[in-house]
Amino acid sequence: HKNLKDFPLLMFFMPFRKMYCQMSEVVYKKKGFNAWIMRVMGG
């Protein structure tokens, strides 16, 4: 893990599959819509 782009990089690695990813709590600091988007994207 070197870059904030690492997750998008892996997400598009498998073009036809949904990629789930373990994400740290700091990504979920803003609750509500932001946290929901993170869960939608596979967080």
ModelCIF file with pLDDT and N, C-alpha, C, O atoms, coordinates in Angstrom:
data_MODEL
#
_entry.id   MODEL 
#
_entity.id                         1 
_entity.type                       polymer 
_entity.pdbx_number_of_molecules   1 
#
_entity_poly.entity_id                      1 
_entity_poly.type                           'polypeptide(L)' 
_entity_poly.nstd_linkage                   no 
_entity_poly.nstd_monomer                   no 
_entity_poly.pdbx_seq_one_letter_code       HKNLKDFPLLMFFMPFRKMYCQMSEVVYKKKGFNAWIMRVMGG 
_entity_poly.pdbx_seq_one_letter_code_can   HKNLKDFPLLMFFMPFRKMYCQMSEVVYKKKGFNAWIMRVMGG 
_entity_poly.pdbx_strand_id                 A 
#
loop_
_entity_poly_seq.entity_id 
_entity_poly_seq.num 
_entity_poly_seq.mon_id 
_entity_poly_seq.hetero 
1 1  HIS n 
1 2  LYS n 
1 3  ASN n 
1 4  LEU n 
1 5  LYS n 
1 6  ASP n 
1 7  PHE n 
1 8  PRO n 
1 9  LEU n 
1 10 LEU n 
1 11 MET n 
1 12 PHE n 
1 13 PHE n 
1 14 MET n 
1 15 PRO n 
1 16 PHE n 
1 17 ARG n 
1 18 LYS n 
1 19 MET n 
1 20 TYR n 
1 21 CYS n 
1 22 GLN n 
1 23 MET n 
1 24 SER n 
1 25 GLU n 
1 26 VAL n 
1 27 VAL n 
1 28 TYR n 
1 29 LYS n 
1 30 LYS n 
1 31 LYS n 
1 32 GLY n 
1 33 PHE n 
1 34 ASN n 
1 35 ALA n 
1 36 TRP n 
1 37 ILE n 
1 38 MET n 
1 39 ARG n 
1 40 VAL n 
1 41 MET n 
1 42 GLY n 
1 43 GLY n 
#
_struct_asym.id          A 
_struct_asym.entity_id   1 
#
loop_
_ma_qa_metric.id 
_ma_qa_metric.mode 
_ma_qa_metric.name 
_ma_qa_metric.software_group_id 
_ma_qa_metric.type 
1 global pLDDT . pLDDT 
2 local  pLDDT . pLDDT 
#
_ma_qa_metric_global.metric_id      1 
_ma_qa_metric_global.metric_value   78.53 
_ma_qa_metric_global.model_id       1 
_ma_qa_metric_global.ordinal_id     1 
#
loop_
_ma_qa_metric_local.label_asym_id 
_ma_qa_metric_local.label_comp_id 
_ma_qa_metric_local.label_seq_id 
_ma_qa_metric_local.metric_id 
_ma_qa_metric_local.metric_value 
_ma_qa_metric_local.model_id 
_ma_qa_metric_local.ordinal_id 
A HIS 1  2 90.00 1 1  
A LYS 2  2 87.00 1 2  
A ASN 3  2 82.00 1 3  
A LEU 4  2 79.00 1 4  
A LYS 5  2 80.00 1 5  
A ASP 6  2 84.00 1 6  
A PHE 7  2 83.00 1 7  
A PRO 8  2 80.00 1 8  
A LEU 9  2 83.00 1 9  
A LEU 10 2 85.00 1 10 
A MET 11 2 82.00 1 11 
A PHE 12 2 82.00 1 12 
A PHE 13 2 84.00 1 13 
A MET 14 2 83.00 1 14 
A PRO 15 2 78.00 1 15 
A PHE 16 2 81.00 1 16 
A ARG 17 2 85.00 1 17 
A LYS 18 2 86.00 1 18 
A MET 19 2 88.00 1 19 
A TYR 20 2 90.00 1 20 
A CYS 21 2 90.00 1 21 
A GLN 22 2 89.00 1 22 
A MET 23 2 86.00 1 23 
A SER 24 2 82.00 1 24 
A GLU 25 2 74.00 1 25 
A VAL 26 2 72.00 1 26 
A VAL 27 2 68.00 1 27 
A TYR 28 2 67.00 1 28 
A LYS 29 2 66.00 1 29 
A LYS 30 2 63.00 1 30 
A LYS 31 2 65.00 1 31 
A GLY 32 2 65.00 1 32 
A PHE 33 2 68.00 1 33 
A ASN 34 2 68.00 1 34 
A ALA 35 2 70.00 1 35 
A TRP 36 2 73.00 1 36 
A ILE 37 2 74.00 1 37 
A MET 38 2 73.00 1 38 
A ARG 39 2 76.00 1 39 
A VAL 40 2 77.00 1 40 
A MET 41 2 78.00 1 41 
A GLY 42 2 79.00 1 42 
A GLY 43 2 82.00 1 43 
#
loop_
_atom_site.group_PDB 
_atom_site.id 
_atom_site.type_symbol 
_atom_site.label_atom_id 
_atom_site.label_alt_id 
_atom_site.label_comp_id 
_atom_site.label_asym_id 
_atom_site.label_entity_id 
_atom_site.label_seq_id 
_atom_site.pdbx_PDB_ins_code 
_atom_site.Cartn_x 
_atom_site.Cartn_y 
_atom_site.Cartn_z 
_atom_site.occupancy 
_atom_site.B_iso_or_equiv 
_atom_site.pdbx_formal_charge 
_atom_site.auth_seq_id 
_atom_site.auth_comp_id 
_atom_site.auth_asym_id 
_atom_site.auth_atom_id 
_atom_site.pdbx_PDB_model_num 
ATOM 1   N N  . HIS A 1 1  ? 0.851   -1.204 0.000   1.00 90.00 ? 1  HIS A N  1 
ATOM 2   C CA . HIS A 1 1  ? 0.000   0.000  0.000   1.00 90.00 ? 1  HIS A CA 1 
ATOM 3   C C  . HIS A 1 1  ? 0.878   1.242  0.000   1.00 90.00 ? 1  HIS A C  1 
ATOM 4   O O  . HIS A 1 1  ? 1.494   1.580  1.011   1.00 90.00 ? 1  HIS A O  1 
ATOM 5   N N  . LYS A 1 2  ? 0.932   1.932  -1.167  1.00 87.00 ? 2  LYS A N  1 
ATOM 6   C CA . LYS A 1 2  ? 1.772   3.120  -1.303  1.00 87.00 ? 2  LYS A CA 1 
ATOM 7   C C  . LYS A 1 2  ? 1.004   4.373  -1.688  1.00 87.00 ? 2  LYS A C  1 
ATOM 8   O O  . LYS A 1 2  ? 1.518   5.484  -1.562  1.00 87.00 ? 2  LYS A O  1 
ATOM 9   N N  . ASN A 1 3  ? -0.222  4.197  -2.154  1.00 82.00 ? 3  ASN A N  1 
ATOM 10  C CA . ASN A 1 3  ? -0.908  5.306  -2.796  1.00 82.00 ? 3  ASN A CA 1 
ATOM 11  C C  . ASN A 1 3  ? -2.403  5.207  -2.542  1.00 82.00 ? 3  ASN A C  1 
ATOM 12  O O  . ASN A 1 3  ? -2.940  4.109  -2.396  1.00 82.00 ? 3  ASN A O  1 
ATOM 13  N N  . LEU A 1 4  ? -3.078  6.354  -2.490  1.00 79.00 ? 4  LEU A N  1 
ATOM 14  C CA . LEU A 1 4  ? -4.532  6.357  -2.329  1.00 79.00 ? 4  LEU A CA 1 
ATOM 15  C C  . LEU A 1 4  ? -5.242  5.782  -3.554  1.00 79.00 ? 4  LEU A C  1 
ATOM 16  O O  . LEU A 1 4  ? -6.419  5.427  -3.491  1.00 79.00 ? 4  LEU A O  1 
ATOM 17  N N  . LYS A 1 5  ? -4.509  5.694  -4.675  1.00 80.00 ? 5  LYS A N  1 
ATOM 18  C CA . LYS A 1 5  ? -5.096  5.136  -5.902  1.00 80.00 ? 5  LYS A CA 1 
ATOM 19  C C  . LYS A 1 5  ? -5.042  3.613  -5.931  1.00 80.00 ? 5  LYS A C  1 
ATOM 20  O O  . LYS A 1 5  ? -5.495  3.001  -6.897  1.00 80.00 ? 5  LYS A O  1 
ATOM 21  N N  . ASP A 1 6  ? -4.491  2.988  -4.879  1.00 84.00 ? 6  ASP A N  1 
ATOM 22  C CA . ASP A 1 6  ? -4.301  1.535  -4.909  1.00 84.00 ? 6  ASP A CA 1 
ATOM 23  C C  . ASP A 1 6  ? -5.620  0.776  -5.027  1.00 84.00 ? 6  ASP A C  1 
ATOM 24  O O  . ASP A 1 6  ? -5.702  -0.209 -5.761  1.00 84.00 ? 6  ASP A O  1 
ATOM 25  N N  . PHE A 1 7  ? -6.657  1.229  -4.308  1.00 83.00 ? 7  PHE A N  1 
ATOM 26  C CA . PHE A 1 7  ? -7.940  0.519  -4.399  1.00 83.00 ? 7  PHE A CA 1 
ATOM 27  C C  . PHE A 1 7  ? -8.565  0.646  -5.787  1.00 83.00 ? 7  PHE A C  1 
ATOM 28  O O  . PHE A 1 7  ? -8.964  -0.372 -6.352  1.00 83.00 ? 7  PHE A O  1 
ATOM 29  N N  . PRO A 1 8  ? -8.674  1.881  -6.383  1.00 80.00 ? 8  PRO A N  1 
ATOM 30  C CA . PRO A 1 8  ? -9.171  1.948  -7.772  1.00 80.00 ? 8  PRO A CA 1 
ATOM 31  C C  . PRO A 1 8  ? -8.333  1.113  -8.737  1.00 80.00 ? 8  PRO A C  1 
ATOM 32  O O  . PRO A 1 8  ? -8.855  0.533  -9.689  1.00 80.00 ? 8  PRO A O  1 
ATOM 33  N N  . LEU A 1 9  ? -7.032  1.060  -8.476  1.00 83.00 ? 9  LEU A N  1 
ATOM 34  C CA . LEU A 1 9  ? -6.139  0.273  -9.326  1.00 83.00 ? 9  LEU A CA 1 
ATOM 35  C C  . LEU A 1 9  ? -6.545  -1.201 -9.311  1.00 83.00 ? 9  LEU A C  1 
ATOM 36  O O  . LEU A 1 9  ? -6.598  -1.851 -10.355 1.00 83.00 ? 9  LEU A O  1 
ATOM 37  N N  . LEU A 1 10 ? -6.831  -1.720 -8.112  1.00 85.00 ? 10 LEU A N  1 
ATOM 38  C CA . LEU A 1 10 ? -7.231  -3.119 -7.984  1.00 85.00 ? 10 LEU A CA 1 
ATOM 39  C C  . LEU A 1 10 ? -8.680  -3.326 -8.435  1.00 85.00 ? 10 LEU A C  1 
ATOM 40  O O  . LEU A 1 10 ? -9.025  -4.380 -8.967  1.00 85.00 ? 10 LEU A O  1 
ATOM 41  N N  . MET A 1 11 ? -9.512  -2.326 -8.221  1.00 82.00 ? 11 MET A N  1 
ATOM 42  C CA . MET A 1 11 ? -10.930 -2.462 -8.574  1.00 82.00 ? 11 MET A CA 1 
ATOM 43  C C  . MET A 1 11 ? -11.107 -2.711 -10.062 1.00 82.00 ? 11 MET A C  1 
ATOM 44  O O  . MET A 1 11 ? -11.978 -3.478 -10.473 1.00 82.00 ? 11 MET A O  1 
ATOM 45  N N  . PHE A 1 12 ? -10.262 -2.046 -10.882 1.00 82.00 ? 12 PHE A N  1 
ATOM 46  C CA . PHE A 1 12 ? -10.379 -2.225 -12.327 1.00 82.00 ? 12 PHE A CA 1 
ATOM 47  C C  . PHE A 1 12 ? -9.486  -3.357 -12.840 1.00 82.00 ? 12 PHE A C  1 
ATOM 48  O O  . PHE A 1 12 ? -9.410  -3.584 -14.048 1.00 82.00 ? 12 PHE A O  1 
ATOM 49  N N  . PHE A 1 13 ? -8.810  -4.069 -11.932 1.00 84.00 ? 13 PHE A N  1 
ATOM 50  C CA . PHE A 1 13 ? -7.966  -5.186 -12.365 1.00 84.00 ? 13 PHE A CA 1 
ATOM 51  C C  . PHE A 1 13 ? -8.806  -6.311 -12.933 1.00 84.00 ? 13 PHE A C  1 
ATOM 52  O O  . PHE A 1 13 ? -8.483  -6.871 -13.981 1.00 84.00 ? 13 PHE A O  1 
ATOM 53  N N  . MET A 1 14 ? -9.900  -6.647 -12.228 1.00 83.00 ? 14 MET A N  1 
ATOM 54  C CA . MET A 1 14 ? -10.835 -7.654 -12.735 1.00 83.00 ? 14 MET A CA 1 
ATOM 55  C C  . MET A 1 14 ? -12.036 -6.905 -13.304 1.00 83.00 ? 14 MET A C  1 
ATOM 56  O O  . MET A 1 14 ? -12.892 -6.459 -12.541 1.00 83.00 ? 14 MET A O  1 
ATOM 57  N N  . PRO A 1 15 ? -12.119 -6.757 -14.621 1.00 78.00 ? 15 PRO A N  1 
ATOM 58  C CA . PRO A 1 15 ? -13.095 -5.846 -15.234 1.00 78.00 ? 15 PRO A CA 1 
ATOM 59  C C  . PRO A 1 15 ? -14.546 -6.243 -15.045 1.00 78.00 ? 15 PRO A C  1 
ATOM 60  O O  . PRO A 1 15 ? -15.419 -5.376 -15.079 1.00 78.00 ? 15 PRO A O  1 
ATOM 61  N N  . PHE A 1 16 ? -14.838 -7.527 -14.847 1.00 81.00 ? 16 PHE A N  1 
ATOM 62  C CA . PHE A 1 16 ? -16.231 -7.969 -14.808 1.00 81.00 ? 16 PHE A CA 1 
ATOM 63  C C  . PHE A 1 16 ? -16.641 -8.532 -13.451 1.00 81.00 ? 16 PHE A C  1 
ATOM 64  O O  . PHE A 1 16 ? -17.652 -9.226 -13.337 1.00 81.00 ? 16 PHE A O  1 
ATOM 65  N N  . ARG A 1 17 ? -15.847 -8.227 -12.423 1.00 85.00 ? 17 ARG A N  1 
ATOM 66  C CA . ARG A 1 17 ? -16.171 -8.704 -11.086 1.00 85.00 ? 17 ARG A CA 1 
ATOM 67  C C  . ARG A 1 17 ? -16.100 -7.544 -10.093 1.00 85.00 ? 17 ARG A C  1 
ATOM 68  O O  . ARG A 1 17 ? -15.322 -6.605 -10.256 1.00 85.00 ? 17 ARG A O  1 
ATOM 69  N N  . LYS A 1 18 ? -16.938 -7.642 -9.060  1.00 86.00 ? 18 LYS A N  1 
ATOM 70  C CA . LYS A 1 18 ? -16.913 -6.630 -8.006  1.00 86.00 ? 18 LYS A CA 1 
ATOM 71  C C  . LYS A 1 18 ? -15.793 -6.966 -7.036  1.00 86.00 ? 18 LYS A C  1 
ATOM 72  O O  . LYS A 1 18 ? -15.671 -8.102 -6.576  1.00 86.00 ? 18 LYS A O  1 
ATOM 73  N N  . MET A 1 19 ? -14.979 -5.968 -6.732  1.00 88.00 ? 19 MET A N  1 
ATOM 74  C CA . MET A 1 19 ? -13.855 -6.145 -5.832  1.00 88.00 ? 19 MET A CA 1 
ATOM 75  C C  . MET A 1 19 ? -14.202 -5.558 -4.466  1.00 88.00 ? 19 MET A C  1 
ATOM 76  O O  . MET A 1 19 ? -14.479 -4.365 -4.348  1.00 88.00 ? 19 MET A O  1 
ATOM 77  N N  . TYR A 1 20 ? -14.186 -6.398 -3.444  1.00 90.00 ? 20 TYR A N  1 
ATOM 78  C CA . TYR A 1 20 ? -14.367 -5.936 -2.075  1.00 90.00 ? 20 TYR A CA 1 
ATOM 79  C C  . TYR A 1 20 ? -12.990 -5.631 -1.483  1.00 90.00 ? 20 TYR A C  1 
ATOM 80  O O  . TYR A 1 20 ? -11.978 -6.180 -1.918  1.00 90.00 ? 20 TYR A O  1 
ATOM 81  N N  . CYS A 1 21 ? -12.973 -4.744 -0.481  1.00 90.00 ? 21 CYS A N  1 
ATOM 82  C CA . CYS A 1 21 ? -11.690 -4.336 0.075   1.00 90.00 ? 21 CYS A CA 1 
ATOM 83  C C  . CYS A 1 21 ? -11.836 -3.953 1.541   1.00 90.00 ? 21 CYS A C  1 
ATOM 84  O O  . CYS A 1 21 ? -12.765 -3.236 1.912   1.00 90.00 ? 21 CYS A O  1 
ATOM 85  N N  . GLN A 1 22 ? -10.915 -4.431 2.373   1.00 89.00 ? 22 GLN A N  1 
ATOM 86  C CA . GLN A 1 22 ? -10.875 -4.004 3.759   1.00 89.00 ? 22 GLN A CA 1 
ATOM 87  C C  . GLN A 1 22 ? -10.347 -2.575 3.818   1.00 89.00 ? 22 GLN A C  1 
ATOM 88  O O  . GLN A 1 22 ? -9.266  -2.287 3.304   1.00 89.00 ? 22 GLN A O  1 
ATOM 89  N N  . MET A 1 23 ? -11.116 -1.671 4.451   1.00 86.00 ? 23 MET A N  1 
ATOM 90  C CA . MET A 1 23 ? -10.759 -0.261 4.516   1.00 86.00 ? 23 MET A CA 1 
ATOM 91  C C  . MET A 1 23 ? -10.699 0.201  5.967   1.00 86.00 ? 23 MET A C  1 
ATOM 92  O O  . MET A 1 23 ? -11.492 -0.241 6.798   1.00 86.00 ? 23 MET A O  1 
ATOM 93  N N  . SER A 1 24 ? -9.767  1.081  6.267   1.00 82.00 ? 24 SER A N  1 
ATOM 94  C CA . SER A 1 24 ? -9.600  1.567  7.639   1.00 82.00 ? 24 SER A CA 1 
ATOM 95  C C  . SER A 1 24 ? -10.737 2.493  8.040   1.00 82.00 ? 24 SER A C  1 
ATOM 96  O O  . SER A 1 24 ? -11.472 3.015  7.202   1.00 82.00 ? 24 SER A O  1 
ATOM 97  N N  . GLU A 1 25 ? -10.855 2.678  9.336   1.00 74.00 ? 25 GLU A N  1 
ATOM 98  C CA . GLU A 1 25 ? -11.968 3.468  9.883   1.00 74.00 ? 25 GLU A CA 1 
ATOM 99  C C  . GLU A 1 25 ? -11.924 4.935  9.452   1.00 74.00 ? 25 GLU A C  1 
ATOM 100 O O  . GLU A 1 25 ? -12.953 5.610  9.467   1.00 74.00 ? 25 GLU A O  1 
ATOM 101 N N  . VAL A 1 26 ? -10.735 5.439  9.066   1.00 72.00 ? 26 VAL A N  1 
ATOM 102 C CA . VAL A 1 26 ? -10.645 6.855  8.700   1.00 72.00 ? 26 VAL A CA 1 
ATOM 103 C C  . VAL A 1 26 ? -11.460 7.167  7.450   1.00 72.00 ? 26 VAL A C  1 
ATOM 104 O O  . VAL A 1 26 ? -11.909 8.299  7.267   1.00 72.00 ? 26 VAL A O  1 
ATOM 105 N N  . VAL A 1 27 ? -11.654 6.166  6.587   1.00 68.00 ? 27 VAL A N  1 
ATOM 106 C CA . VAL A 1 27 ? -12.452 6.367  5.376   1.00 68.00 ? 27 VAL A CA 1 
ATOM 107 C C  . VAL A 1 27 ? -13.912 6.590  5.724   1.00 68.00 ? 27 VAL A C  1 
ATOM 108 O O  . VAL A 1 27 ? -14.654 7.186  4.943   1.00 68.00 ? 27 VAL A O  1 
ATOM 109 N N  . TYR A 1 28 ? -14.334 6.109  6.906   1.00 67.00 ? 28 TYR A N  1 
ATOM 110 C CA . TYR A 1 28 ? -15.735 6.178  7.318   1.00 67.00 ? 28 TYR A CA 1 
ATOM 111 C C  . TYR A 1 28 ? -15.984 7.295  8.321   1.00 67.00 ? 28 TYR A C  1 
ATOM 112 O O  . TYR A 1 28 ? -17.030 7.306  8.970   1.00 67.00 ? 28 TYR A O  1 
ATOM 113 N N  . LYS A 1 29 ? -15.047 8.244  8.468   1.00 66.00 ? 29 LYS A N  1 
ATOM 114 C CA . LYS A 1 29 ? -15.212 9.300  9.462   1.00 66.00 ? 29 LYS A CA 1 
ATOM 115 C C  . LYS A 1 29 ? -16.460 10.134 9.208   1.00 66.00 ? 29 LYS A C  1 
ATOM 116 O O  . LYS A 1 29 ? -17.188 10.488 10.135  1.00 66.00 ? 29 LYS A O  1 
ATOM 117 N N  . LYS A 1 30 ? -16.693 10.441 7.944   1.00 63.00 ? 30 LYS A N  1 
ATOM 118 C CA . LYS A 1 30 ? -17.921 11.165 7.595   1.00 63.00 ? 30 LYS A CA 1 
ATOM 119 C C  . LYS A 1 30 ? -19.032 10.141 7.397   1.00 63.00 ? 30 LYS A C  1 
ATOM 120 O O  . LYS A 1 30 ? -19.041 9.390  6.422   1.00 63.00 ? 30 LYS A O  1 
ATOM 121 N N  . LYS A 1 31 ? -19.948 10.127 8.320   1.00 65.00 ? 31 LYS A N  1 
ATOM 122 C CA . LYS A 1 31 ? -21.013 9.121  8.283   1.00 65.00 ? 31 LYS A CA 1 
ATOM 123 C C  . LYS A 1 31 ? -22.082 9.507  7.271   1.00 65.00 ? 31 LYS A C  1 
ATOM 124 O O  . LYS A 1 31 ? -21.974 10.525 6.587   1.00 65.00 ? 31 LYS A O  1 
ATOM 125 N N  . GLY A 1 32 ? -23.090 8.695  7.189   1.00 65.00 ? 32 GLY A N  1 
ATOM 126 C CA . GLY A 1 32 ? -24.201 8.976  6.287   1.00 65.00 ? 32 GLY A CA 1 
ATOM 127 C C  . GLY A 1 32 ? -23.903 8.553  4.866   1.00 65.00 ? 32 GLY A C  1 
ATOM 128 O O  . GLY A 1 32 ? -23.558 7.398  4.617   1.00 65.00 ? 32 GLY A O  1 
ATOM 129 N N  . PHE A 1 33 ? -24.034 9.496  3.916   1.00 68.00 ? 33 PHE A N  1 
ATOM 130 C CA . PHE A 1 33 ? -23.902 9.178  2.498   1.00 68.00 ? 33 PHE A CA 1 
ATOM 131 C C  . PHE A 1 33 ? -22.503 8.671  2.158   1.00 68.00 ? 33 PHE A C  1 
ATOM 132 O O  . PHE A 1 33 ? -22.360 7.728  1.380   1.00 68.00 ? 33 PHE A O  1 
ATOM 133 N N  . ASN A 1 34 ? -21.461 9.296  2.740   1.00 68.00 ? 34 ASN A N  1 
ATOM 134 C CA . ASN A 1 34 ? -20.089 8.891  2.452   1.00 68.00 ? 34 ASN A CA 1 
ATOM 135 C C  . ASN A 1 34 ? -19.832 7.444  2.861   1.00 68.00 ? 34 ASN A C  1 
ATOM 136 O O  . ASN A 1 34 ? -19.233 6.679  2.104   1.00 68.00 ? 34 ASN A O  1 
ATOM 137 N N  . ALA A 1 35 ? -20.282 7.071  4.052   1.00 70.00 ? 35 ALA A N  1 
ATOM 138 C CA . ALA A 1 35 ? -20.107 5.696  4.529   1.00 70.00 ? 35 ALA A CA 1 
ATOM 139 C C  . ALA A 1 35 ? -20.898 4.719  3.667   1.00 70.00 ? 35 ALA A C  1 
ATOM 140 O O  . ALA A 1 35 ? -20.455 3.598  3.418   1.00 70.00 ? 35 ALA A O  1 
ATOM 141 N N  . TRP A 1 36 ? -22.075 5.154  3.214   1.00 73.00 ? 36 TRP A N  1 
ATOM 142 C CA . TRP A 1 36 ? -22.899 4.278  2.370   1.00 73.00 ? 36 TRP A CA 1 
ATOM 143 C C  . TRP A 1 36 ? -22.203 4.024  1.035   1.00 73.00 ? 36 TRP A C  1 
ATOM 144 O O  . TRP A 1 36 ? -22.195 2.896  0.541   1.00 73.00 ? 36 TRP A O  1 
ATOM 145 N N  . ILE A 1 37 ? -21.613 5.085  0.446   1.00 74.00 ? 37 ILE A N  1 
ATOM 146 C CA . ILE A 1 37 ? -20.888 4.929  -0.823  1.00 74.00 ? 37 ILE A CA 1 
ATOM 147 C C  . ILE A 1 37 ? -19.726 3.961  -0.660  1.00 74.00 ? 37 ILE A C  1 
ATOM 148 O O  . ILE A 1 37 ? -19.468 3.145  -1.545  1.00 74.00 ? 37 ILE A O  1 
ATOM 149 N N  . MET A 1 38 ? -19.017 4.046  0.472   1.00 73.00 ? 38 MET A N  1 
ATOM 150 C CA . MET A 1 38 ? -17.897 3.138  0.714   1.00 73.00 ? 38 MET A CA 1 
ATOM 151 C C  . MET A 1 38 ? -18.375 1.690  0.748   1.00 73.00 ? 38 MET A C  1 
ATOM 152 O O  . MET A 1 38 ? -17.724 0.798  0.205   1.00 73.00 ? 38 MET A O  1 
ATOM 153 N N  . ARG A 1 39 ? -19.528 1.464  1.399   1.00 76.00 ? 39 ARG A N  1 
ATOM 154 C CA . ARG A 1 39 ? -20.072 0.097  1.450   1.00 76.00 ? 39 ARG A CA 1 
ATOM 155 C C  . ARG A 1 39 ? -20.526 -0.359 0.072   1.00 76.00 ? 39 ARG A C  1 
ATOM 156 O O  . ARG A 1 39 ? -20.343 -1.519 -0.295  1.00 76.00 ? 39 ARG A O  1 
ATOM 157 N N  . VAL A 1 40 ? -21.123 0.560  -0.695  1.00 77.00 ? 40 VAL A N  1 
ATOM 158 C CA . VAL A 1 40 ? -21.565 0.224  -2.049  1.00 77.00 ? 40 VAL A CA 1 
ATOM 159 C C  . VAL A 1 40 ? -20.387 -0.186 -2.923  1.00 77.00 ? 40 VAL A C  1 
ATOM 160 O O  . VAL A 1 40 ? -20.491 -1.117 -3.722  1.00 77.00 ? 40 VAL A O  1 
ATOM 161 N N  . MET A 1 41 ? -19.259 0.519  -2.767  1.00 78.00 ? 41 MET A N  1 
ATOM 162 C CA . MET A 1 41 ? -18.082 0.240  -3.583  1.00 78.00 ? 41 MET A CA 1 
ATOM 163 C C  . MET A 1 41 ? -17.309 -0.991 -3.109  1.00 78.00 ? 41 MET A C  1 
ATOM 164 O O  . MET A 1 41 ? -16.291 -1.357 -3.696  1.00 78.00 ? 41 MET A O  1 
ATOM 165 N N  . GLY A 1 42 ? -17.797 -1.618 -2.053  1.00 79.00 ? 42 GLY A N  1 
ATOM 166 C CA . GLY A 1 42 ? -17.175 -2.867 -1.615  1.00 79.00 ? 42 GLY A CA 1 
ATOM 167 C C  . GLY A 1 42 ? -16.315 -2.740 -0.379  1.00 79.00 ? 42 GLY A C  1 
ATOM 168 O O  . GLY A 1 42 ? -15.524 -3.637 -0.086  1.00 79.00 ? 42 GLY A O  1 
ATOM 169 N N  . GLY A 1 43 ? -16.446 -1.658 0.346   1.00 82.00 ? 43 GLY A N  1 
ATOM 170 C CA . GLY A 1 43 ? -15.621 -1.455 1.532   1.00 82.00 ? 43 GLY A CA 1 
ATOM 171 C C  . GLY A 1 43 ? -16.048 -2.315 2.715   1.00 82.00 ? 43 GLY A C  1 
ATOM 172 O O  . GLY A 1 43 ? -15.437 -2.244 3.782   1.00 82.00 ? 43 GLY A O  1 
#
